[in-house]
N, C-alpha and C. Protein backbone atom coordinates (compact mmCIF):
# COMPACT_ATOMS: atom_id res chain seq x y z
N UNK A 1 74.81 5.99 -49.98
CA UNK A 1 75.91 6.78 -49.31
C UNK A 1 76.56 6.13 -48.06
N UNK A 2 75.50 5.53 -47.44
CA UNK A 2 75.90 4.89 -46.18
C UNK A 2 76.80 3.56 -46.28
N UNK A 3 76.82 3.03 -47.56
CA UNK A 3 77.51 1.78 -47.75
C UNK A 3 78.92 2.19 -48.41
N UNK A 4 79.35 3.30 -48.40
CA UNK A 4 80.57 3.73 -49.03
C UNK A 4 81.67 3.13 -48.36
N UNK A 5 82.67 2.53 -49.12
CA UNK A 5 83.69 1.86 -48.60
C UNK A 5 84.99 2.78 -48.25
N UNK A 6 85.58 2.53 -47.08
CA UNK A 6 86.65 3.52 -46.73
C UNK A 6 87.81 2.50 -46.64
N UNK A 7 88.80 2.89 -47.54
CA UNK A 7 89.99 2.13 -47.68
C UNK A 7 90.84 2.10 -46.40
N UNK A 8 91.09 3.16 -45.70
CA UNK A 8 91.76 3.21 -44.44
C UNK A 8 91.17 2.31 -43.36
N UNK A 9 89.86 2.41 -43.24
CA UNK A 9 89.16 1.51 -42.29
C UNK A 9 89.20 0.05 -42.65
N UNK A 10 89.11 -0.17 -44.03
CA UNK A 10 89.25 -1.69 -44.48
C UNK A 10 90.69 -2.18 -44.10
N UNK A 11 91.77 -1.39 -44.37
CA UNK A 11 93.04 -1.85 -44.02
C UNK A 11 93.38 -2.11 -42.49
N UNK A 12 92.81 -1.12 -41.73
CA UNK A 12 92.97 -1.28 -40.32
C UNK A 12 92.29 -2.53 -39.93
N UNK A 13 91.09 -2.83 -40.35
CA UNK A 13 90.19 -3.98 -39.93
C UNK A 13 90.99 -5.28 -40.31
N UNK A 14 91.65 -5.27 -41.52
CA UNK A 14 92.33 -6.45 -41.90
C UNK A 14 93.51 -6.72 -41.01
N UNK A 15 94.35 -5.75 -40.78
CA UNK A 15 95.50 -5.85 -39.92
C UNK A 15 95.05 -6.25 -38.42
N UNK A 16 93.92 -5.77 -37.91
CA UNK A 16 93.41 -5.97 -36.68
C UNK A 16 93.12 -7.52 -36.56
N UNK A 17 92.46 -7.89 -37.48
CA UNK A 17 92.04 -9.44 -37.68
C UNK A 17 93.28 -10.31 -37.69
N UNK A 18 94.32 -9.82 -38.55
CA UNK A 18 95.59 -10.71 -38.54
C UNK A 18 96.23 -10.65 -37.26
N UNK A 19 96.56 -9.50 -36.57
CA UNK A 19 97.10 -9.49 -35.41
C UNK A 19 96.51 -10.03 -34.17
N UNK A 20 95.12 -10.01 -34.26
CA UNK A 20 94.51 -10.81 -33.08
C UNK A 20 94.56 -12.17 -33.08
N UNK A 21 95.19 -12.82 -34.02
CA UNK A 21 95.48 -14.27 -34.13
C UNK A 21 96.63 -14.56 -33.12
N UNK A 22 97.50 -13.58 -32.95
CA UNK A 22 98.75 -13.98 -32.27
C UNK A 22 98.64 -13.53 -30.79
N UNK A 23 98.16 -14.47 -30.05
CA UNK A 23 97.97 -14.25 -28.58
C UNK A 23 98.63 -15.47 -27.83
N UNK A 24 98.56 -15.45 -26.49
CA UNK A 24 99.32 -16.44 -25.85
C UNK A 24 98.93 -17.91 -26.08
N UNK A 25 97.74 -18.10 -26.69
CA UNK A 25 97.29 -19.50 -26.93
C UNK A 25 98.12 -20.12 -28.00
N UNK A 26 98.74 -19.32 -28.85
CA UNK A 26 99.38 -19.90 -29.98
C UNK A 26 100.97 -20.20 -29.71
N UNK A 27 101.44 -19.39 -28.71
CA UNK A 27 102.92 -19.38 -28.73
C UNK A 27 103.58 -20.82 -28.46
N UNK A 28 102.89 -21.61 -27.77
CA UNK A 28 103.22 -22.99 -27.35
C UNK A 28 103.39 -23.88 -28.52
N UNK A 29 102.52 -23.94 -29.39
CA UNK A 29 102.43 -24.70 -30.56
C UNK A 29 103.57 -24.27 -31.68
N UNK A 30 103.75 -22.91 -31.67
CA UNK A 30 104.75 -22.34 -32.66
C UNK A 30 106.11 -22.66 -32.09
N UNK A 31 106.31 -22.65 -30.81
CA UNK A 31 107.55 -23.04 -30.05
C UNK A 31 107.86 -24.63 -30.41
N UNK A 32 106.87 -25.48 -30.33
CA UNK A 32 107.13 -26.87 -30.66
C UNK A 32 107.53 -26.95 -32.12
N UNK A 33 107.03 -26.19 -33.04
CA UNK A 33 107.39 -26.19 -34.45
C UNK A 33 108.79 -25.78 -34.48
N UNK A 34 109.24 -24.73 -33.86
CA UNK A 34 110.62 -24.20 -33.92
C UNK A 34 111.53 -25.32 -33.31
N UNK A 35 111.13 -25.93 -32.28
CA UNK A 35 112.01 -26.95 -31.59
C UNK A 35 112.23 -28.24 -32.56
N UNK A 36 111.14 -28.62 -33.37
CA UNK A 36 111.11 -29.55 -34.26
C UNK A 36 112.05 -29.31 -35.40
N UNK A 37 111.95 -28.08 -35.90
CA UNK A 37 112.88 -27.64 -36.97
C UNK A 37 114.38 -27.65 -36.46
N UNK A 38 114.58 -27.25 -35.27
CA UNK A 38 115.97 -27.26 -34.69
C UNK A 38 116.49 -28.71 -34.61
N UNK A 39 115.63 -29.58 -34.16
CA UNK A 39 116.09 -30.94 -33.92
C UNK A 39 116.39 -31.63 -35.22
N UNK A 40 115.55 -31.27 -36.18
CA UNK A 40 115.81 -31.91 -37.53
C UNK A 40 117.00 -31.32 -38.18
N UNK A 41 117.36 -30.05 -37.94
CA UNK A 41 118.52 -29.35 -38.35
C UNK A 41 119.77 -30.07 -37.79
N UNK A 42 119.72 -30.19 -36.42
CA UNK A 42 120.98 -30.75 -35.69
C UNK A 42 121.10 -32.09 -35.90
N UNK A 43 120.12 -32.84 -36.34
CA UNK A 43 120.41 -34.24 -36.66
C UNK A 43 120.54 -34.56 -38.11
N UNK A 44 120.72 -33.36 -38.80
CA UNK A 44 120.92 -33.47 -40.34
C UNK A 44 119.95 -34.34 -41.13
N UNK A 45 118.79 -34.29 -40.66
CA UNK A 45 117.61 -34.90 -41.31
C UNK A 45 116.95 -34.02 -42.32
N UNK A 46 115.92 -34.23 -43.05
CA UNK A 46 115.25 -33.48 -44.03
C UNK A 46 113.89 -33.01 -43.60
N UNK A 47 113.63 -31.80 -43.80
CA UNK A 47 112.34 -31.22 -43.74
C UNK A 47 111.63 -31.13 -44.91
N UNK A 48 110.36 -31.70 -45.12
CA UNK A 48 109.54 -31.51 -46.35
C UNK A 48 108.38 -30.59 -46.01
N UNK A 49 108.09 -29.73 -46.89
CA UNK A 49 106.94 -28.78 -46.63
C UNK A 49 106.08 -28.64 -48.00
N UNK A 50 104.78 -28.52 -47.65
CA UNK A 50 103.84 -28.66 -48.98
C UNK A 50 102.62 -27.89 -48.50
N UNK A 51 101.84 -27.54 -49.71
CA UNK A 51 100.59 -26.93 -49.53
C UNK A 51 100.05 -26.84 -50.94
N UNK A 52 98.83 -26.29 -51.04
CA UNK A 52 98.24 -25.99 -52.46
C UNK A 52 97.95 -24.40 -52.63
N UNK A 53 97.98 -24.23 -53.77
CA UNK A 53 97.77 -22.69 -54.18
C UNK A 53 98.70 -21.83 -53.43
N UNK A 54 98.08 -20.75 -52.87
CA UNK A 54 98.88 -19.84 -52.06
C UNK A 54 99.76 -20.55 -50.95
N UNK A 55 99.27 -21.56 -50.44
CA UNK A 55 99.98 -22.29 -49.44
C UNK A 55 101.22 -23.05 -50.08
N UNK A 56 101.12 -23.48 -51.41
CA UNK A 56 102.20 -24.03 -52.10
C UNK A 56 103.31 -23.00 -52.19
N UNK A 57 103.01 -21.68 -52.56
CA UNK A 57 103.76 -20.74 -52.78
C UNK A 57 104.45 -20.37 -51.42
N UNK A 58 103.76 -20.45 -50.41
CA UNK A 58 104.26 -20.12 -49.01
C UNK A 58 105.22 -21.17 -48.65
N UNK A 59 104.95 -22.50 -48.97
CA UNK A 59 105.96 -23.58 -48.71
C UNK A 59 107.32 -23.27 -49.34
N UNK A 60 107.24 -22.80 -50.56
CA UNK A 60 108.62 -22.41 -51.29
C UNK A 60 109.16 -21.29 -50.57
N UNK A 61 108.46 -20.29 -50.20
CA UNK A 61 109.04 -19.11 -49.52
C UNK A 61 109.68 -19.55 -48.20
N UNK A 62 109.11 -20.38 -47.41
CA UNK A 62 109.58 -20.78 -46.15
C UNK A 62 110.85 -21.69 -46.27
N UNK A 63 110.75 -22.54 -47.32
CA UNK A 63 111.89 -23.39 -47.66
C UNK A 63 113.16 -22.55 -47.91
N UNK A 64 112.95 -21.57 -48.81
CA UNK A 64 114.07 -20.64 -49.00
C UNK A 64 114.60 -20.05 -47.75
N UNK A 65 113.77 -19.51 -46.98
CA UNK A 65 114.28 -18.93 -45.69
C UNK A 65 114.98 -19.85 -44.81
N UNK A 66 114.53 -21.08 -44.62
CA UNK A 66 115.07 -21.99 -43.78
C UNK A 66 116.32 -22.53 -44.49
N UNK A 67 116.50 -22.66 -45.75
CA UNK A 67 117.66 -23.25 -46.46
C UNK A 67 118.85 -22.27 -46.22
N UNK A 68 118.63 -21.02 -46.33
CA UNK A 68 119.71 -20.13 -46.26
C UNK A 68 119.73 -19.27 -45.01
N UNK A 69 118.53 -18.63 -44.79
CA UNK A 69 118.35 -17.75 -43.77
C UNK A 69 118.84 -18.05 -42.35
N UNK A 70 118.68 -19.19 -42.03
CA UNK A 70 119.03 -19.55 -40.55
C UNK A 70 120.32 -20.09 -40.51
N UNK A 71 121.01 -20.35 -41.56
CA UNK A 71 122.24 -20.96 -41.53
C UNK A 71 123.43 -20.06 -41.63
N UNK A 72 124.48 -20.31 -42.09
CA UNK A 72 125.65 -19.57 -42.56
C UNK A 72 126.21 -20.04 -43.87
N UNK A 73 125.40 -20.21 -44.73
CA UNK A 73 125.88 -20.85 -45.98
C UNK A 73 127.04 -20.02 -46.61
N UNK A 74 126.86 -18.76 -46.43
CA UNK A 74 127.91 -17.81 -46.91
C UNK A 74 129.15 -17.52 -46.08
N UNK A 75 129.20 -18.25 -45.07
CA UNK A 75 130.43 -18.06 -44.02
C UNK A 75 131.17 -19.34 -43.83
N UNK A 76 132.43 -19.11 -43.37
CA UNK A 76 133.33 -20.41 -43.24
C UNK A 76 132.93 -20.89 -41.92
N UNK A 77 131.90 -21.49 -41.56
CA UNK A 77 131.56 -22.17 -40.24
C UNK A 77 131.06 -23.55 -40.54
N UNK A 78 130.75 -24.11 -39.33
CA UNK A 78 130.28 -25.50 -39.40
C UNK A 78 128.72 -25.70 -39.43
N UNK A 79 128.13 -24.52 -39.64
CA UNK A 79 126.63 -24.48 -39.64
C UNK A 79 126.03 -24.13 -40.96
N UNK A 80 125.73 -25.24 -41.67
CA UNK A 80 124.99 -25.05 -43.02
C UNK A 80 123.53 -24.66 -42.62
N UNK A 81 122.74 -24.27 -43.76
CA UNK A 81 121.42 -24.02 -43.57
C UNK A 81 120.65 -25.39 -43.34
N UNK A 82 119.43 -25.23 -43.07
CA UNK A 82 118.47 -26.44 -42.87
C UNK A 82 118.34 -27.27 -44.15
N UNK A 83 118.33 -28.52 -44.12
CA UNK A 83 118.06 -29.30 -45.29
C UNK A 83 116.63 -29.55 -45.42
N UNK A 84 116.07 -28.74 -46.39
CA UNK A 84 114.59 -28.66 -46.46
C UNK A 84 114.20 -28.59 -47.87
N UNK A 85 112.98 -29.32 -48.26
CA UNK A 85 112.51 -29.33 -49.63
C UNK A 85 111.09 -28.96 -49.67
N UNK A 86 110.76 -28.11 -50.50
CA UNK A 86 109.35 -27.72 -50.86
C UNK A 86 108.84 -28.73 -51.91
N UNK A 87 108.04 -29.60 -51.55
CA UNK A 87 107.53 -30.58 -52.48
C UNK A 87 106.68 -29.95 -53.67
N UNK A 88 106.21 -28.80 -53.58
CA UNK A 88 105.51 -28.26 -54.86
C UNK A 88 106.31 -27.70 -55.88
N UNK A 89 107.77 -27.73 -55.59
CA UNK A 89 108.61 -27.01 -56.50
C UNK A 89 108.77 -27.44 -57.94
N UNK A 90 108.92 -28.76 -58.08
CA UNK A 90 109.23 -29.32 -59.32
C UNK A 90 108.02 -29.64 -60.09
N UNK A 91 107.76 -28.60 -61.10
CA UNK A 91 106.50 -28.70 -61.88
C UNK A 91 106.43 -30.09 -62.66
N UNK A 92 107.59 -30.47 -63.18
CA UNK A 92 107.62 -31.63 -63.97
C UNK A 92 107.02 -32.99 -63.08
N UNK A 93 107.72 -33.09 -61.91
CA UNK A 93 107.10 -34.12 -61.16
C UNK A 93 105.73 -33.97 -60.70
N UNK A 94 105.27 -32.82 -60.30
CA UNK A 94 104.03 -32.52 -59.97
C UNK A 94 102.95 -32.90 -61.01
N UNK A 95 103.23 -32.49 -62.24
CA UNK A 95 102.19 -32.69 -63.33
C UNK A 95 102.39 -34.25 -63.75
N UNK A 96 103.44 -34.81 -63.57
CA UNK A 96 103.50 -36.30 -63.81
C UNK A 96 102.75 -37.11 -62.88
N UNK A 97 102.96 -36.79 -61.61
CA UNK A 97 102.20 -37.57 -60.61
C UNK A 97 100.66 -37.31 -60.61
N UNK A 98 100.39 -36.15 -60.98
CA UNK A 98 98.91 -35.63 -61.04
C UNK A 98 98.32 -36.44 -62.06
N UNK A 99 98.98 -36.47 -63.33
CA UNK A 99 98.40 -37.05 -64.44
C UNK A 99 98.33 -38.55 -64.32
N UNK A 100 99.45 -39.16 -63.85
CA UNK A 100 99.53 -40.60 -63.69
C UNK A 100 98.80 -41.28 -62.49
N UNK A 101 98.96 -40.57 -61.41
CA UNK A 101 98.48 -41.28 -60.21
C UNK A 101 97.32 -40.60 -59.54
N UNK A 102 97.14 -39.25 -60.02
CA UNK A 102 95.96 -38.50 -59.39
C UNK A 102 96.61 -37.45 -58.45
N UNK A 103 95.82 -36.21 -58.47
CA UNK A 103 96.39 -35.05 -57.85
C UNK A 103 96.57 -35.41 -56.18
N UNK A 104 95.75 -36.21 -55.66
CA UNK A 104 95.74 -36.52 -54.31
C UNK A 104 97.13 -37.16 -53.88
N UNK A 105 97.93 -37.65 -55.01
CA UNK A 105 99.13 -38.41 -54.54
C UNK A 105 100.39 -37.53 -54.91
N UNK A 106 100.22 -36.40 -55.25
CA UNK A 106 101.48 -35.53 -55.59
C UNK A 106 102.56 -35.42 -54.56
N UNK A 107 102.04 -35.37 -53.24
CA UNK A 107 103.09 -35.24 -52.16
C UNK A 107 103.33 -36.52 -51.53
N UNK A 108 102.39 -37.44 -51.31
CA UNK A 108 102.58 -38.66 -50.73
C UNK A 108 103.56 -39.62 -51.40
N UNK A 109 103.46 -39.58 -52.75
CA UNK A 109 104.38 -40.36 -53.64
C UNK A 109 105.79 -39.85 -53.48
N UNK A 110 106.00 -38.57 -53.39
CA UNK A 110 107.31 -37.94 -53.20
C UNK A 110 107.99 -38.38 -51.92
N UNK A 111 107.14 -38.35 -50.82
CA UNK A 111 107.60 -38.77 -49.63
C UNK A 111 108.00 -40.23 -49.57
N UNK A 112 107.26 -41.03 -50.17
CA UNK A 112 107.75 -42.55 -50.30
C UNK A 112 108.98 -42.68 -50.94
N UNK A 113 109.29 -41.83 -51.81
CA UNK A 113 110.61 -41.93 -52.59
C UNK A 113 111.67 -41.34 -51.72
N UNK A 114 111.44 -40.19 -51.20
CA UNK A 114 112.59 -39.33 -50.66
C UNK A 114 112.63 -39.40 -49.02
N UNK A 115 111.60 -39.74 -48.40
CA UNK A 115 111.41 -39.55 -47.01
C UNK A 115 112.12 -40.73 -46.24
N UNK A 116 112.62 -40.31 -45.12
CA UNK A 116 113.21 -41.33 -44.21
C UNK A 116 112.78 -41.27 -42.77
N UNK A 117 112.81 -42.17 -41.94
CA UNK A 117 112.58 -41.99 -40.55
C UNK A 117 113.35 -40.91 -39.90
N UNK A 118 112.70 -40.16 -39.04
CA UNK A 118 113.34 -39.03 -38.44
C UNK A 118 113.26 -37.74 -39.22
N UNK A 119 112.68 -37.78 -40.39
CA UNK A 119 112.50 -36.44 -41.16
C UNK A 119 111.45 -35.76 -40.56
N UNK A 120 111.01 -34.65 -41.06
CA UNK A 120 109.86 -33.82 -40.64
C UNK A 120 109.08 -33.35 -41.81
N UNK A 121 107.79 -33.52 -41.70
CA UNK A 121 106.83 -32.99 -42.74
C UNK A 121 106.07 -31.86 -42.22
N UNK A 122 106.03 -30.63 -42.82
CA UNK A 122 105.14 -29.62 -42.44
C UNK A 122 104.15 -29.36 -43.63
N UNK A 123 102.90 -29.45 -43.21
CA UNK A 123 101.86 -29.19 -44.25
C UNK A 123 101.17 -27.71 -43.89
N UNK A 124 100.94 -27.00 -44.96
CA UNK A 124 100.29 -25.84 -44.85
C UNK A 124 98.84 -25.88 -45.51
N UNK A 125 97.81 -25.69 -44.79
CA UNK A 125 96.54 -25.76 -45.36
C UNK A 125 95.60 -24.79 -44.72
N UNK A 126 94.74 -24.15 -45.51
CA UNK A 126 93.59 -23.43 -44.91
C UNK A 126 92.70 -24.30 -44.22
N UNK A 127 92.03 -25.17 -45.01
CA UNK A 127 91.01 -25.95 -44.43
C UNK A 127 91.40 -27.27 -43.64
N UNK A 128 92.74 -27.67 -44.02
CA UNK A 128 93.21 -28.92 -43.47
C UNK A 128 92.65 -30.16 -43.99
N UNK A 129 91.77 -30.01 -45.03
CA UNK A 129 91.12 -31.22 -45.66
C UNK A 129 91.46 -31.65 -47.04
N UNK A 130 92.39 -30.82 -47.61
CA UNK A 130 92.74 -31.05 -48.90
C UNK A 130 93.26 -32.68 -49.10
N UNK A 131 92.77 -33.49 -49.89
CA UNK A 131 93.05 -34.90 -49.99
C UNK A 131 94.57 -35.12 -50.10
N UNK A 132 95.33 -34.32 -50.93
CA UNK A 132 96.67 -34.58 -50.97
C UNK A 132 97.48 -34.21 -49.72
N UNK A 133 97.01 -33.25 -49.06
CA UNK A 133 97.74 -32.96 -47.66
C UNK A 133 97.30 -34.06 -46.75
N UNK A 134 96.23 -34.58 -46.65
CA UNK A 134 95.70 -35.51 -45.79
C UNK A 134 96.55 -36.82 -45.96
N UNK A 135 96.62 -37.18 -47.33
CA UNK A 135 97.34 -38.41 -47.56
C UNK A 135 98.97 -38.23 -47.39
N UNK A 136 99.44 -37.03 -47.43
CA UNK A 136 100.73 -36.87 -47.19
C UNK A 136 101.04 -37.10 -45.73
N UNK A 137 100.22 -36.66 -44.79
CA UNK A 137 100.36 -36.82 -43.48
C UNK A 137 100.32 -38.44 -43.16
N UNK A 138 99.39 -39.12 -43.64
CA UNK A 138 99.12 -40.45 -43.48
C UNK A 138 100.30 -41.23 -43.82
N UNK A 139 100.94 -41.03 -45.06
CA UNK A 139 102.04 -41.71 -45.46
C UNK A 139 103.27 -41.46 -44.74
N UNK A 140 103.46 -40.11 -44.20
CA UNK A 140 104.51 -39.68 -43.35
C UNK A 140 104.51 -40.38 -42.08
N UNK A 141 103.42 -40.63 -41.53
CA UNK A 141 103.37 -41.35 -40.40
C UNK A 141 103.73 -42.81 -40.35
N UNK A 142 103.40 -43.35 -41.54
CA UNK A 142 103.67 -44.74 -41.85
C UNK A 142 105.33 -44.83 -41.99
N UNK A 143 105.85 -43.81 -42.53
CA UNK A 143 107.29 -43.91 -42.61
C UNK A 143 108.08 -43.22 -41.47
N UNK A 144 107.26 -43.01 -40.38
CA UNK A 144 107.91 -42.56 -39.03
C UNK A 144 108.55 -41.17 -39.22
N UNK A 145 107.96 -40.44 -40.13
CA UNK A 145 108.30 -38.87 -40.34
C UNK A 145 107.31 -38.05 -39.34
N UNK A 146 107.96 -37.23 -38.61
CA UNK A 146 107.19 -36.36 -37.79
C UNK A 146 106.34 -35.38 -38.56
N UNK A 147 104.99 -35.19 -38.08
CA UNK A 147 104.20 -34.38 -38.91
C UNK A 147 103.72 -33.11 -38.25
N UNK A 148 103.72 -31.97 -38.90
CA UNK A 148 103.19 -30.73 -38.27
C UNK A 148 102.34 -29.99 -39.26
N UNK A 149 101.09 -29.79 -38.80
CA UNK A 149 100.12 -29.05 -39.58
C UNK A 149 99.98 -27.60 -39.36
N UNK A 150 99.95 -26.65 -40.12
CA UNK A 150 99.69 -25.30 -39.74
C UNK A 150 98.42 -24.96 -40.62
N UNK A 151 97.38 -24.78 -39.94
CA UNK A 151 95.94 -24.73 -40.48
C UNK A 151 95.17 -23.59 -40.05
N UNK A 152 94.20 -23.26 -40.80
CA UNK A 152 93.20 -22.10 -40.41
C UNK A 152 91.76 -22.91 -40.22
N UNK A 153 90.81 -22.09 -40.41
CA UNK A 153 89.38 -22.60 -40.22
C UNK A 153 89.15 -23.53 -39.02
N UNK A 154 88.69 -24.67 -39.13
CA UNK A 154 88.46 -25.59 -38.07
C UNK A 154 89.72 -26.56 -37.96
N UNK A 155 90.60 -26.52 -38.84
CA UNK A 155 91.68 -27.38 -38.94
C UNK A 155 91.68 -28.78 -39.60
N UNK A 156 90.40 -29.14 -39.86
CA UNK A 156 90.13 -30.25 -40.65
C UNK A 156 90.70 -31.48 -40.10
N UNK A 157 90.97 -32.50 -41.01
CA UNK A 157 91.61 -33.73 -40.63
C UNK A 157 93.10 -33.61 -40.46
N UNK A 158 93.65 -32.56 -40.95
CA UNK A 158 95.18 -32.36 -40.81
C UNK A 158 95.33 -31.96 -39.32
N UNK A 159 94.55 -31.15 -38.73
CA UNK A 159 94.75 -30.99 -37.29
C UNK A 159 94.69 -32.17 -36.39
N UNK A 160 93.72 -33.00 -36.82
CA UNK A 160 93.45 -34.24 -36.09
C UNK A 160 94.54 -35.23 -36.24
N UNK A 161 95.10 -35.37 -37.46
CA UNK A 161 96.18 -36.40 -37.78
C UNK A 161 97.60 -36.15 -37.37
N UNK A 162 98.00 -34.79 -37.65
CA UNK A 162 99.34 -34.32 -37.31
C UNK A 162 99.80 -34.59 -35.93
N UNK A 163 101.08 -34.84 -35.83
CA UNK A 163 101.67 -34.99 -34.47
C UNK A 163 101.67 -33.62 -33.62
N UNK A 164 101.73 -32.61 -34.40
CA UNK A 164 101.76 -31.24 -33.79
C UNK A 164 100.93 -30.26 -34.63
N UNK A 165 99.95 -29.76 -33.99
CA UNK A 165 98.98 -28.91 -34.74
C UNK A 165 99.22 -27.37 -34.32
N UNK A 166 99.48 -26.62 -35.36
CA UNK A 166 99.61 -25.23 -35.24
C UNK A 166 98.42 -24.58 -35.78
N UNK A 167 97.28 -24.46 -35.10
CA UNK A 167 95.95 -24.16 -35.60
C UNK A 167 95.53 -22.81 -35.20
N UNK A 168 95.15 -21.95 -36.14
CA UNK A 168 94.62 -20.69 -36.04
C UNK A 168 93.16 -20.71 -36.44
N UNK A 169 92.24 -20.43 -35.53
CA UNK A 169 90.81 -20.56 -35.93
C UNK A 169 90.27 -19.16 -36.55
N UNK A 170 90.53 -19.22 -37.84
CA UNK A 170 90.22 -18.02 -38.54
C UNK A 170 89.60 -18.37 -39.93
N UNK A 171 88.42 -17.91 -40.08
CA UNK A 171 87.65 -18.26 -41.29
C UNK A 171 87.78 -17.36 -42.49
N UNK A 172 89.16 -17.19 -42.85
CA UNK A 172 89.55 -16.22 -43.87
C UNK A 172 90.82 -16.73 -44.47
N UNK A 173 90.77 -17.24 -45.76
CA UNK A 173 91.78 -17.82 -46.38
C UNK A 173 93.08 -16.98 -46.49
N UNK A 174 92.84 -15.56 -46.74
CA UNK A 174 94.04 -14.76 -46.85
C UNK A 174 94.82 -14.53 -45.55
N UNK A 175 94.04 -14.54 -44.51
CA UNK A 175 94.54 -14.29 -43.09
C UNK A 175 95.33 -15.62 -42.92
N UNK A 176 94.69 -16.63 -43.23
CA UNK A 176 95.38 -18.05 -42.91
C UNK A 176 96.63 -18.13 -43.64
N UNK A 177 96.79 -17.71 -44.90
CA UNK A 177 98.06 -17.81 -45.59
C UNK A 177 99.02 -16.70 -45.03
N UNK A 178 98.63 -15.53 -44.72
CA UNK A 178 99.51 -14.54 -44.07
C UNK A 178 100.17 -15.19 -42.86
N UNK A 179 99.31 -15.91 -41.99
CA UNK A 179 99.79 -16.53 -40.78
C UNK A 179 100.90 -17.51 -40.92
N UNK A 180 100.68 -18.36 -42.16
CA UNK A 180 101.78 -19.34 -42.45
C UNK A 180 103.14 -18.69 -42.64
N UNK A 181 103.16 -17.58 -43.37
CA UNK A 181 104.45 -17.03 -43.53
C UNK A 181 105.03 -16.32 -42.28
N UNK A 182 104.14 -15.69 -41.52
CA UNK A 182 104.52 -15.09 -40.26
C UNK A 182 105.15 -16.17 -39.33
N UNK A 183 104.27 -17.24 -39.14
CA UNK A 183 104.94 -18.31 -38.39
C UNK A 183 106.31 -18.85 -38.84
N UNK A 184 106.33 -18.98 -40.22
CA UNK A 184 107.79 -19.34 -40.71
C UNK A 184 108.84 -18.30 -40.44
N UNK A 185 108.49 -17.12 -40.50
CA UNK A 185 109.42 -16.07 -40.26
C UNK A 185 109.83 -16.05 -38.83
N UNK A 186 108.88 -16.16 -38.04
CA UNK A 186 109.14 -16.28 -36.48
C UNK A 186 110.19 -17.41 -36.23
N UNK A 187 109.87 -18.57 -36.77
CA UNK A 187 110.88 -19.78 -36.49
C UNK A 187 112.26 -19.51 -37.11
N UNK A 188 112.21 -18.98 -38.39
CA UNK A 188 113.53 -18.61 -39.01
C UNK A 188 114.36 -17.57 -38.02
N UNK A 189 113.76 -16.40 -37.66
CA UNK A 189 114.59 -15.54 -36.85
C UNK A 189 114.89 -16.17 -35.57
N UNK A 190 114.01 -16.95 -34.90
CA UNK A 190 114.38 -17.54 -33.67
C UNK A 190 115.48 -18.40 -33.74
N UNK A 191 115.50 -19.27 -34.74
CA UNK A 191 116.61 -20.20 -34.84
C UNK A 191 117.84 -19.48 -35.42
N UNK A 192 117.70 -18.35 -36.15
CA UNK A 192 118.92 -17.78 -36.53
C UNK A 192 119.59 -17.03 -35.40
N UNK A 193 118.64 -16.51 -34.51
CA UNK A 193 119.27 -15.91 -33.33
C UNK A 193 119.96 -16.84 -32.37
N UNK A 194 119.29 -18.04 -32.18
CA UNK A 194 120.02 -19.22 -31.47
C UNK A 194 121.40 -19.48 -31.89
N UNK A 195 121.44 -19.60 -33.41
CA UNK A 195 122.76 -19.89 -33.97
C UNK A 195 123.65 -18.70 -33.80
N UNK A 196 123.18 -17.44 -33.78
CA UNK A 196 124.17 -16.32 -33.58
C UNK A 196 124.75 -16.30 -32.22
N UNK A 197 123.99 -16.71 -31.16
CA UNK A 197 124.36 -16.75 -29.81
C UNK A 197 125.42 -17.95 -29.67
N UNK A 198 125.07 -19.02 -30.22
CA UNK A 198 125.85 -20.21 -30.25
C UNK A 198 127.29 -19.94 -30.80
N UNK A 199 127.26 -19.19 -31.99
CA UNK A 199 128.53 -18.86 -32.56
C UNK A 199 129.42 -17.98 -31.70
N UNK A 200 128.68 -17.05 -31.12
CA UNK A 200 129.46 -16.07 -30.18
C UNK A 200 130.08 -16.75 -29.00
N UNK A 201 129.25 -17.74 -28.44
CA UNK A 201 129.77 -18.60 -27.35
C UNK A 201 130.99 -19.40 -27.71
N UNK A 202 130.87 -20.01 -29.00
CA UNK A 202 131.96 -20.79 -29.38
C UNK A 202 133.17 -19.93 -29.62
N UNK A 203 133.19 -18.76 -30.13
CA UNK A 203 134.26 -17.86 -30.36
C UNK A 203 134.78 -17.27 -29.15
N UNK A 204 133.87 -17.16 -28.07
CA UNK A 204 134.37 -16.72 -26.78
C UNK A 204 135.24 -17.87 -26.08
N UNK A 205 134.78 -19.01 -26.32
CA UNK A 205 135.57 -20.23 -25.79
C UNK A 205 137.01 -20.35 -26.34
N UNK A 206 137.03 -20.14 -27.77
CA UNK A 206 138.21 -20.22 -28.48
C UNK A 206 139.24 -19.18 -28.07
N UNK A 207 138.65 -18.02 -27.83
CA UNK A 207 139.48 -16.81 -27.52
C UNK A 207 139.85 -16.77 -25.93
N UNK A 208 138.96 -17.47 -25.13
CA UNK A 208 139.27 -17.49 -23.66
C UNK A 208 140.38 -18.46 -23.30
């Protein structure tokens, strides 16, 4: 009887674990991520984002938000959405590269074909040690592509190799994946708000 599981207590513990991750120690690195996204947006370069499993799904989710959510694709303005590509998206390309070159090359090879100096690579990884993620960072650096790693656990090699590390020391894969999306949404809403203010200022100048 003493080991009976209580759902409400379980839920509260999960939420507490998640929210405890967002303290003053992390805001600086999240701001650097947001600034890097903004710079890439303003210079019309490309953001590449990737991960494995749930992190791959999160990469696609964040790419969707950044492509449309922060811009004004549906309005007659000079602000399109961010040019961003989730590298896990094309299953034909992924299976081809995994079969012919090995799974560790599914992202690095795409970067070699599509990436250019001044682009931005964001990797999402729980452990930070997945071979395809580590190789993507190494290749990106050779191509002079800025690299940012959003990681959990101890951050692994990705934390050490990336130009910017957004590292949350949490030994829970689901919490780590929740954090990825939350960080993406923070950046999306921050950049969207900056865009809204800029648009209002420009309209004010025109009307003034």
